[in-house]
């Protein structure tokens, strides 16, 4: 009786293991093989540098105003001091608002990143989904993002297949 139950349990486990199909993709590898992604990243980097320079220029102006104020404070009237202090505060506020506008959580850089990268990510997702449906995969994991994967057989990595589905040549 024990042999029958053990055989039945092993049979069910084997059936369950065979019924589910898994695959891996390496999103870093896929993205590095898509020229549009590299171009979008370069465009984002250039825009970010340009906007950072604008913010830094305002911050430098504020520091210069403050330094000049400190150097000349002894010679200024109360009204002149107040006007200079207000100019410094306004310049610092302008720099802070510009930084928030460009780099804040809902800032221009975030919006630009979404506009440039989301279409590429959607295209990749649709390719992965099509492959998953065609090959009956129940789960596809991103091996580049999950540090929990200790070992995975290269046989279940479909990254090159995703690239081919997107129309890109494979470099691996």
N, C-alpha and C. Protein backbone atom coordinates (compact mmCIF):
# COMPACT_ATOMS: atom_id res chain seq x y z
N UNK A 1 0.82 -1.18 0.00
CA UNK A 1 0.00 0.00 0.00
C UNK A 1 0.87 1.25 0.00
N UNK A 2 1.95 1.25 0.83
CA UNK A 2 2.85 2.40 0.87
C UNK A 2 3.50 2.64 -0.49
N UNK A 3 3.87 1.56 -1.18
CA UNK A 3 4.50 1.70 -2.49
C UNK A 3 3.54 2.35 -3.48
N UNK A 4 2.29 1.99 -3.40
CA UNK A 4 1.30 2.56 -4.33
C UNK A 4 1.11 4.05 -4.06
N UNK A 5 1.02 4.42 -2.78
CA UNK A 5 0.84 5.83 -2.42
C UNK A 5 2.07 6.64 -2.82
N UNK A 6 3.28 6.10 -2.53
CA UNK A 6 4.50 6.81 -2.91
C UNK A 6 4.59 6.95 -4.44
N UNK A 7 4.27 5.89 -5.15
CA UNK A 7 4.30 5.94 -6.61
C UNK A 7 3.31 6.98 -7.13
N UNK A 8 2.13 7.02 -6.53
CA UNK A 8 1.11 7.97 -6.92
C UNK A 8 1.56 9.42 -6.66
N UNK A 9 2.19 9.63 -5.48
CA UNK A 9 2.67 10.97 -5.14
C UNK A 9 3.78 11.41 -6.09
N UNK A 10 4.73 10.54 -6.38
CA UNK A 10 5.80 10.88 -7.31
C UNK A 10 5.24 11.13 -8.71
N UNK A 11 4.27 10.36 -9.10
CA UNK A 11 3.63 10.55 -10.40
C UNK A 11 2.95 11.91 -10.48
N UNK A 12 2.24 12.30 -9.42
CA UNK A 12 1.57 13.60 -9.40
C UNK A 12 2.59 14.75 -9.41
N UNK A 13 3.68 14.57 -8.64
CA UNK A 13 4.72 15.60 -8.62
C UNK A 13 5.36 15.74 -10.00
N UNK A 14 5.63 14.63 -10.63
CA UNK A 14 6.25 14.67 -11.95
C UNK A 14 5.30 15.30 -12.96
N UNK A 15 4.03 14.97 -12.87
CA UNK A 15 3.03 15.54 -13.77
C UNK A 15 2.92 17.04 -13.55
N UNK A 16 2.88 17.46 -12.29
CA UNK A 16 2.77 18.88 -11.95
C UNK A 16 3.99 19.66 -12.42
N UNK A 17 5.16 19.08 -12.28
CA UNK A 17 6.39 19.76 -12.69
C UNK A 17 6.46 19.89 -14.21
N UNK A 18 5.98 18.89 -14.92
CA UNK A 18 6.00 18.92 -16.38
C UNK A 18 4.93 19.84 -16.94
N UNK A 19 3.87 20.06 -16.19
CA UNK A 19 2.76 20.86 -16.69
C UNK A 19 3.10 22.35 -16.72
N UNK A 20 4.01 22.78 -15.90
CA UNK A 20 4.34 24.20 -15.85
C UNK A 20 5.66 24.45 -16.57
N UNK A 21 5.65 25.48 -17.41
CA UNK A 21 6.85 25.82 -18.16
C UNK A 21 7.32 27.22 -17.75
N UNK A 22 8.62 27.34 -17.56
CA UNK A 22 9.23 28.59 -17.13
C UNK A 22 10.28 29.02 -18.14
N UNK A 23 10.56 30.31 -18.13
CA UNK A 23 11.61 30.83 -18.98
C UNK A 23 12.23 32.04 -18.30
N UNK A 24 13.39 32.42 -18.79
CA UNK A 24 14.08 33.60 -18.28
C UNK A 24 14.37 34.55 -19.43
N UNK A 25 14.40 35.83 -19.11
CA UNK A 25 14.91 36.83 -20.04
C UNK A 25 15.92 37.67 -19.28
N UNK A 26 16.83 38.25 -20.01
CA UNK A 26 17.81 39.16 -19.43
C UNK A 26 17.52 40.54 -20.03
N UNK A 27 16.77 41.35 -19.29
CA UNK A 27 16.34 42.64 -19.80
C UNK A 27 17.52 43.58 -20.09
N UNK A 28 18.56 43.52 -19.27
CA UNK A 28 19.74 44.35 -19.53
C UNK A 28 20.34 44.00 -20.88
N UNK A 29 20.45 42.71 -21.15
CA UNK A 29 21.00 42.25 -22.42
C UNK A 29 20.10 42.67 -23.58
N UNK A 30 18.80 42.47 -23.41
CA UNK A 30 17.85 42.83 -24.48
C UNK A 30 17.94 44.33 -24.77
N UNK A 31 17.87 45.14 -23.71
CA UNK A 31 17.91 46.59 -23.91
C UNK A 31 19.23 47.06 -24.51
N UNK A 32 20.33 46.41 -24.15
CA UNK A 32 21.63 46.81 -24.69
C UNK A 32 21.75 46.47 -26.19
N UNK A 33 20.87 45.62 -26.68
CA UNK A 33 20.89 45.25 -28.09
C UNK A 33 19.86 46.03 -28.91
N UNK A 34 19.19 46.99 -28.29
CA UNK A 34 18.20 47.80 -28.99
C UNK A 34 18.76 49.21 -29.13
N UNK A 35 19.14 49.60 -30.34
CA UNK A 35 19.75 50.91 -30.56
C UNK A 35 18.86 52.08 -30.10
N UNK A 36 17.56 51.96 -30.28
CA UNK A 36 16.65 53.03 -29.87
C UNK A 36 16.71 53.28 -28.37
N UNK A 37 16.94 52.23 -27.60
CA UNK A 37 17.06 52.37 -26.15
C UNK A 37 18.34 53.12 -25.79
N UNK A 38 19.43 52.77 -26.44
CA UNK A 38 20.70 53.45 -26.20
C UNK A 38 20.59 54.93 -26.59
N UNK A 39 19.93 55.21 -27.71
CA UNK A 39 19.75 56.60 -28.15
C UNK A 39 18.88 57.37 -27.17
N UNK A 40 17.82 56.75 -26.68
CA UNK A 40 16.94 57.40 -25.71
C UNK A 40 17.71 57.72 -24.43
N UNK A 41 18.51 56.77 -23.96
CA UNK A 41 19.31 57.01 -22.76
C UNK A 41 20.31 58.15 -22.97
N UNK A 42 20.92 58.20 -24.13
CA UNK A 42 21.87 59.27 -24.43
C UNK A 42 21.15 60.62 -24.47
N UNK A 43 19.98 60.64 -25.07
CA UNK A 43 19.19 61.87 -25.13
C UNK A 43 18.79 62.33 -23.72
N UNK A 44 18.38 61.38 -22.87
CA UNK A 44 18.03 61.71 -21.49
C UNK A 44 19.24 62.24 -20.73
N UNK A 45 20.39 61.63 -20.95
CA UNK A 45 21.61 62.07 -20.29
C UNK A 45 21.99 63.49 -20.70
N UNK A 46 21.92 63.79 -21.98
CA UNK A 46 22.26 65.13 -22.47
C UNK A 46 21.28 66.17 -21.93
N UNK A 47 20.01 65.84 -21.93
CA UNK A 47 18.99 66.75 -21.41
C UNK A 47 19.20 67.00 -19.93
N UNK A 48 19.48 65.94 -19.19
CA UNK A 48 19.72 66.05 -17.76
C UNK A 48 20.92 66.94 -17.47
N UNK A 49 21.99 66.78 -18.22
CA UNK A 49 23.19 67.61 -18.03
C UNK A 49 22.89 69.07 -18.33
N UNK A 50 22.13 69.32 -19.39
CA UNK A 50 21.78 70.70 -19.76
C UNK A 50 20.93 71.35 -18.66
N UNK A 51 19.93 70.61 -18.18
CA UNK A 51 19.07 71.15 -17.13
C UNK A 51 19.83 71.33 -15.82
N UNK A 52 20.73 70.41 -15.51
CA UNK A 52 21.54 70.53 -14.29
C UNK A 52 22.42 71.77 -14.36
N UNK A 53 22.94 72.06 -15.53
CA UNK A 53 23.76 73.27 -15.71
C UNK A 53 22.93 74.53 -15.47
N UNK A 54 21.68 74.53 -15.94
CA UNK A 54 20.80 75.67 -15.70
C UNK A 54 20.57 75.90 -14.21
N UNK A 55 20.29 74.80 -13.50
CA UNK A 55 20.05 74.89 -12.06
C UNK A 55 21.31 75.37 -11.35
N UNK A 56 22.43 74.80 -11.71
CA UNK A 56 23.70 75.19 -11.08
C UNK A 56 24.04 76.65 -11.35
N UNK A 57 23.69 77.15 -12.53
CA UNK A 57 23.95 78.56 -12.85
C UNK A 57 23.14 79.47 -11.91
N UNK A 58 21.89 79.11 -11.66
CA UNK A 58 21.08 79.90 -10.73
C UNK A 58 21.62 79.82 -9.31
N UNK A 59 22.06 78.63 -8.91
CA UNK A 59 22.64 78.47 -7.57
C UNK A 59 23.93 79.28 -7.44
N UNK A 60 24.71 79.33 -8.49
CA UNK A 60 25.94 80.12 -8.48
C UNK A 60 25.61 81.62 -8.38
N UNK A 61 24.58 82.04 -9.11
CA UNK A 61 24.15 83.44 -9.01
C UNK A 61 23.74 83.77 -7.58
N UNK A 62 23.01 82.87 -6.95
CA UNK A 62 22.57 83.11 -5.57
C UNK A 62 23.77 83.21 -4.63
N UNK A 63 24.75 82.32 -4.80
CA UNK A 63 25.96 82.37 -3.96
C UNK A 63 26.73 83.67 -4.19
N UNK A 64 26.81 84.10 -5.44
CA UNK A 64 27.51 85.35 -5.76
C UNK A 64 26.79 86.54 -5.12
N UNK A 65 25.46 86.55 -5.24
CA UNK A 65 24.69 87.61 -4.60
C UNK A 65 24.94 87.64 -3.09
N UNK A 66 24.98 86.46 -2.48
CA UNK A 66 25.20 86.37 -1.03
C UNK A 66 26.61 86.84 -0.66
N UNK A 67 27.60 86.42 -1.44
CA UNK A 67 28.98 86.82 -1.16
C UNK A 67 29.12 88.34 -1.29
N UNK A 68 28.56 88.89 -2.36
CA UNK A 68 28.62 90.34 -2.54
C UNK A 68 27.90 91.07 -1.40
N UNK A 69 26.78 90.52 -0.98
CA UNK A 69 26.03 91.10 0.14
C UNK A 69 26.89 91.11 1.41
N UNK A 70 27.55 89.99 1.68
CA UNK A 70 28.40 89.92 2.88
C UNK A 70 29.54 90.94 2.81
N UNK A 71 30.13 91.08 1.62
CA UNK A 71 31.25 92.00 1.45
C UNK A 71 30.82 93.47 1.61
N UNK A 72 29.58 93.76 1.21
CA UNK A 72 29.12 95.14 1.19
C UNK A 72 28.13 95.47 2.30
N UNK A 73 27.79 94.52 3.14
CA UNK A 73 26.74 94.72 4.15
C UNK A 73 27.01 95.91 5.06
N UNK A 74 28.24 96.16 5.41
CA UNK A 74 28.58 97.26 6.32
C UNK A 74 28.29 98.63 5.70
N UNK A 75 28.25 98.69 4.38
CA UNK A 75 28.06 99.96 3.69
C UNK A 75 26.63 100.19 3.23
N UNK A 76 25.74 99.20 3.46
CA UNK A 76 24.38 99.29 2.96
C UNK A 76 23.42 99.82 4.02
N UNK A 77 22.41 100.55 3.54
CA UNK A 77 21.35 101.00 4.46
C UNK A 77 20.43 99.82 4.76
N UNK A 78 19.55 99.97 5.72
CA UNK A 78 18.61 98.90 6.10
C UNK A 78 17.74 98.49 4.91
N UNK A 79 17.31 99.48 4.15
CA UNK A 79 16.46 99.17 2.98
C UNK A 79 17.26 98.42 1.91
N UNK A 80 18.48 98.83 1.70
CA UNK A 80 19.34 98.15 0.72
C UNK A 80 19.64 96.72 1.16
N UNK A 81 19.88 96.56 2.45
CA UNK A 81 20.12 95.20 2.97
C UNK A 81 18.90 94.31 2.73
N UNK A 82 17.74 94.85 3.07
CA UNK A 82 16.50 94.07 2.90
C UNK A 82 16.28 93.72 1.43
N UNK A 83 16.55 94.67 0.54
CA UNK A 83 16.38 94.42 -0.90
C UNK A 83 17.35 93.35 -1.38
N UNK A 84 18.58 93.42 -0.94
CA UNK A 84 19.59 92.42 -1.34
C UNK A 84 19.23 91.04 -0.78
N UNK A 85 18.81 91.00 0.49
CA UNK A 85 18.42 89.73 1.11
C UNK A 85 17.26 89.10 0.34
N UNK A 86 16.30 89.95 -0.04
CA UNK A 86 15.15 89.44 -0.80
C UNK A 86 15.59 88.92 -2.17
N UNK A 87 16.54 89.60 -2.80
CA UNK A 87 17.05 89.16 -4.10
C UNK A 87 17.73 87.79 -3.97
N UNK A 88 18.47 87.61 -2.88
CA UNK A 88 19.14 86.32 -2.64
C UNK A 88 18.10 85.23 -2.43
N UNK A 89 17.11 85.51 -1.60
CA UNK A 89 16.04 84.53 -1.33
C UNK A 89 15.30 84.19 -2.61
N UNK A 90 15.00 85.19 -3.42
CA UNK A 90 14.28 84.96 -4.68
C UNK A 90 15.10 84.08 -5.62
N UNK A 91 16.41 84.34 -5.70
CA UNK A 91 17.28 83.57 -6.60
C UNK A 91 17.38 82.12 -6.12
N UNK A 92 17.50 81.91 -4.80
CA UNK A 92 17.55 80.55 -4.25
C UNK A 92 16.23 79.82 -4.50
N UNK A 93 15.14 80.54 -4.34
CA UNK A 93 13.82 79.95 -4.58
C UNK A 93 13.66 79.57 -6.05
N UNK A 94 14.13 80.45 -6.93
CA UNK A 94 14.07 80.18 -8.36
C UNK A 94 14.85 78.90 -8.71
N UNK A 95 16.04 78.75 -8.13
CA UNK A 95 16.86 77.56 -8.38
C UNK A 95 16.16 76.31 -7.85
N UNK A 96 15.58 76.41 -6.66
CA UNK A 96 14.87 75.27 -6.07
C UNK A 96 13.67 74.87 -6.91
N UNK A 97 12.91 75.85 -7.37
CA UNK A 97 11.73 75.56 -8.20
C UNK A 97 12.13 74.96 -9.54
N UNK A 98 13.21 75.46 -10.12
CA UNK A 98 13.68 74.91 -11.39
C UNK A 98 14.15 73.47 -11.21
N UNK A 99 14.88 73.20 -10.11
CA UNK A 99 15.32 71.83 -9.83
C UNK A 99 14.09 70.90 -9.70
N UNK A 100 13.10 71.36 -8.98
CA UNK A 100 11.88 70.55 -8.79
C UNK A 100 11.16 70.35 -10.13
N UNK A 101 11.08 71.41 -10.94
CA UNK A 101 10.42 71.32 -12.24
C UNK A 101 11.09 70.28 -13.14
N UNK A 102 12.42 70.29 -13.15
CA UNK A 102 13.15 69.37 -14.02
C UNK A 102 13.32 67.98 -13.42
N UNK A 103 13.67 67.92 -12.14
CA UNK A 103 14.10 66.65 -11.55
C UNK A 103 13.19 66.09 -10.48
N UNK A 104 12.08 66.74 -10.20
CA UNK A 104 11.16 66.27 -9.18
C UNK A 104 10.49 64.96 -9.57
N UNK A 105 9.73 64.36 -8.64
CA UNK A 105 9.09 63.07 -8.91
C UNK A 105 8.18 63.08 -10.15
N UNK A 106 7.54 64.19 -10.42
CA UNK A 106 6.70 64.32 -11.61
C UNK A 106 7.28 65.37 -12.55
N UNK A 107 8.59 65.52 -12.50
CA UNK A 107 9.28 66.56 -13.26
C UNK A 107 9.44 66.24 -14.74
N UNK A 108 10.02 67.19 -15.43
CA UNK A 108 10.20 67.08 -16.88
C UNK A 108 11.07 65.89 -17.27
N UNK A 109 12.11 65.60 -16.49
CA UNK A 109 12.97 64.47 -16.82
C UNK A 109 12.20 63.16 -16.71
N UNK A 110 11.38 63.03 -15.68
CA UNK A 110 10.54 61.84 -15.51
C UNK A 110 9.59 61.70 -16.71
N UNK A 111 8.95 62.78 -17.09
CA UNK A 111 8.00 62.74 -18.22
C UNK A 111 8.71 62.38 -19.52
N UNK A 112 9.90 62.95 -19.69
CA UNK A 112 10.67 62.66 -20.91
C UNK A 112 11.11 61.20 -20.93
N UNK A 113 11.53 60.68 -19.77
CA UNK A 113 11.93 59.28 -19.68
C UNK A 113 10.76 58.36 -20.06
N UNK A 114 9.59 58.67 -19.52
CA UNK A 114 8.40 57.87 -19.84
C UNK A 114 8.12 57.94 -21.35
N UNK A 115 8.14 59.14 -21.91
CA UNK A 115 7.85 59.31 -23.33
C UNK A 115 8.82 58.56 -24.22
N UNK A 116 10.10 58.53 -23.83
CA UNK A 116 11.11 57.89 -24.68
C UNK A 116 11.20 56.38 -24.46
N UNK A 117 11.09 55.93 -23.21
CA UNK A 117 11.36 54.52 -22.91
C UNK A 117 10.12 53.63 -22.87
N UNK A 118 8.97 54.19 -22.54
CA UNK A 118 7.78 53.35 -22.41
C UNK A 118 7.42 52.62 -23.71
N UNK A 119 7.51 53.28 -24.88
CA UNK A 119 7.19 52.55 -26.12
C UNK A 119 8.13 51.35 -26.34
N UNK A 120 9.40 51.51 -26.01
CA UNK A 120 10.36 50.41 -26.16
C UNK A 120 10.03 49.29 -25.19
N UNK A 121 9.74 49.63 -23.94
CA UNK A 121 9.40 48.63 -22.93
C UNK A 121 8.10 47.91 -23.29
N UNK A 122 7.14 48.64 -23.83
CA UNK A 122 5.88 48.02 -24.25
C UNK A 122 6.10 47.04 -25.39
N UNK A 123 6.96 47.42 -26.32
CA UNK A 123 7.28 46.55 -27.45
C UNK A 123 7.94 45.26 -26.95
N UNK A 124 8.85 45.37 -26.01
CA UNK A 124 9.51 44.20 -25.43
C UNK A 124 8.49 43.34 -24.70
N UNK A 125 7.65 43.97 -23.89
CA UNK A 125 6.63 43.22 -23.16
C UNK A 125 5.73 42.45 -24.11
N UNK A 126 5.31 43.09 -25.19
CA UNK A 126 4.43 42.41 -26.16
C UNK A 126 5.14 41.24 -26.82
N UNK A 127 6.42 41.38 -27.10
CA UNK A 127 7.18 40.27 -27.70
C UNK A 127 7.31 39.11 -26.70
N UNK A 128 7.61 39.43 -25.45
CA UNK A 128 7.72 38.39 -24.42
C UNK A 128 6.38 37.69 -24.24
N UNK A 129 5.33 38.47 -24.21
CA UNK A 129 3.97 37.90 -24.04
C UNK A 129 3.62 36.99 -25.22
N UNK A 130 3.95 37.40 -26.43
CA UNK A 130 3.64 36.58 -27.61
C UNK A 130 4.40 35.26 -27.56
N UNK A 131 5.67 35.30 -27.17
CA UNK A 131 6.47 34.08 -27.05
C UNK A 131 5.90 33.20 -25.95
N UNK A 132 5.53 33.80 -24.83
CA UNK A 132 4.97 33.04 -23.71
C UNK A 132 3.69 32.33 -24.13
N UNK A 133 2.84 33.02 -24.86
CA UNK A 133 1.59 32.41 -25.30
C UNK A 133 1.84 31.32 -26.34
N UNK A 134 2.77 31.56 -27.25
CA UNK A 134 3.05 30.58 -28.30
C UNK A 134 3.67 29.31 -27.73
N UNK A 135 4.47 29.43 -26.68
CA UNK A 135 5.17 28.28 -26.12
C UNK A 135 4.57 27.80 -24.79
N UNK A 136 3.43 28.38 -24.41
CA UNK A 136 2.72 28.00 -23.19
C UNK A 136 3.56 28.14 -21.92
N UNK A 137 4.30 29.24 -21.81
CA UNK A 137 5.04 29.52 -20.58
C UNK A 137 4.07 30.11 -19.56
N UNK A 138 4.14 29.62 -18.34
CA UNK A 138 3.31 30.17 -17.27
C UNK A 138 4.02 31.31 -16.55
N UNK A 139 5.35 31.33 -16.60
CA UNK A 139 6.11 32.31 -15.87
C UNK A 139 7.40 32.62 -16.62
N UNK A 140 7.68 33.92 -16.75
CA UNK A 140 8.94 34.35 -17.33
C UNK A 140 9.55 35.35 -16.36
N UNK A 141 10.76 35.06 -15.91
CA UNK A 141 11.46 35.90 -14.94
C UNK A 141 12.56 36.70 -15.62
N UNK A 142 12.84 37.87 -15.07
CA UNK A 142 13.95 38.69 -15.55
C UNK A 142 15.17 38.34 -14.72
N UNK A 143 16.13 37.68 -15.31
CA UNK A 143 17.32 37.24 -14.58
C UNK A 143 18.22 38.41 -14.21
N UNK A 144 18.15 39.52 -14.91
CA UNK A 144 19.01 40.65 -14.59
C UNK A 144 18.53 41.41 -13.36
N UNK A 145 17.25 41.30 -13.04
CA UNK A 145 16.70 42.07 -11.92
C UNK A 145 16.58 41.26 -10.63
N UNK A 146 16.62 39.96 -10.74
CA UNK A 146 16.36 39.14 -9.57
C UNK A 146 17.64 38.53 -9.04
N UNK A 147 18.10 39.05 -7.94
CA UNK A 147 19.32 38.52 -7.33
C UNK A 147 19.07 37.16 -6.67
N UNK A 148 17.81 36.75 -6.59
CA UNK A 148 17.46 35.48 -5.96
C UNK A 148 17.72 34.27 -6.84
N UNK A 149 18.00 34.46 -8.10
CA UNK A 149 18.29 33.34 -8.99
C UNK A 149 19.77 33.00 -8.85
N UNK A 150 20.04 31.84 -8.32
CA UNK A 150 21.41 31.41 -8.11
C UNK A 150 21.95 30.73 -9.36
N UNK A 151 21.15 29.87 -9.95
CA UNK A 151 21.54 29.20 -11.19
C UNK A 151 20.32 29.04 -12.06
N UNK A 152 20.51 29.24 -13.34
CA UNK A 152 19.45 28.99 -14.31
C UNK A 152 20.09 28.44 -15.58
N UNK A 153 19.52 27.41 -16.09
CA UNK A 153 20.02 26.80 -17.30
C UNK A 153 19.89 27.78 -18.47
N UNK A 154 20.94 27.93 -19.24
CA UNK A 154 20.86 28.79 -20.42
C UNK A 154 19.79 28.32 -21.42
N UNK A 155 19.40 27.08 -21.30
CA UNK A 155 18.39 26.54 -22.21
C UNK A 155 17.04 27.21 -22.03
N UNK A 156 16.75 27.77 -20.86
CA UNK A 156 15.45 28.40 -20.65
C UNK A 156 15.51 29.92 -20.80
N UNK A 157 16.65 30.46 -21.23
CA UNK A 157 16.77 31.90 -21.46
C UNK A 157 16.28 32.19 -22.88
N UNK A 158 15.24 33.00 -22.98
CA UNK A 158 14.64 33.31 -24.29
C UNK A 158 14.99 34.73 -24.75
N UNK A 159 16.02 35.32 -24.19
CA UNK A 159 16.39 36.70 -24.52
C UNK A 159 16.67 36.88 -26.02
N UNK A 160 17.43 35.97 -26.61
CA UNK A 160 17.73 36.08 -28.04
C UNK A 160 16.47 35.92 -28.88
N UNK A 161 15.58 35.06 -28.44
CA UNK A 161 14.32 34.87 -29.14
C UNK A 161 13.48 36.16 -29.11
N UNK A 162 13.50 36.83 -27.98
CA UNK A 162 12.77 38.11 -27.85
C UNK A 162 13.37 39.13 -28.81
N UNK A 163 14.69 39.22 -28.86
CA UNK A 163 15.35 40.15 -29.77
C UNK A 163 15.01 39.84 -31.23
N UNK A 164 15.02 38.56 -31.58
CA UNK A 164 14.68 38.17 -32.94
C UNK A 164 13.23 38.52 -33.27
N UNK A 165 12.33 38.33 -32.31
CA UNK A 165 10.92 38.67 -32.50
C UNK A 165 10.76 40.17 -32.74
N UNK A 166 11.63 40.97 -32.09
CA UNK A 166 11.61 42.42 -32.27
C UNK A 166 12.31 42.87 -33.53
N UNK A 167 13.01 41.94 -34.19
CA UNK A 167 13.69 42.26 -35.44
C UNK A 167 15.13 42.70 -35.30
N UNK A 168 15.74 42.40 -34.17
CA UNK A 168 17.14 42.77 -33.94
C UNK A 168 18.04 41.56 -34.04
N UNK A 169 19.27 41.81 -34.48
CA UNK A 169 20.23 40.72 -34.56
C UNK A 169 20.78 40.44 -33.17
N UNK A 170 21.25 39.23 -32.99
CA UNK A 170 21.75 38.77 -31.70
C UNK A 170 23.25 38.89 -31.68
N UNK A 171 23.80 39.45 -30.57
CA UNK A 171 25.26 39.65 -30.46
C UNK A 171 25.92 38.66 -29.53
N UNK A 172 25.19 37.87 -28.81
CA UNK A 172 25.79 37.00 -27.79
C UNK A 172 26.63 35.92 -28.38
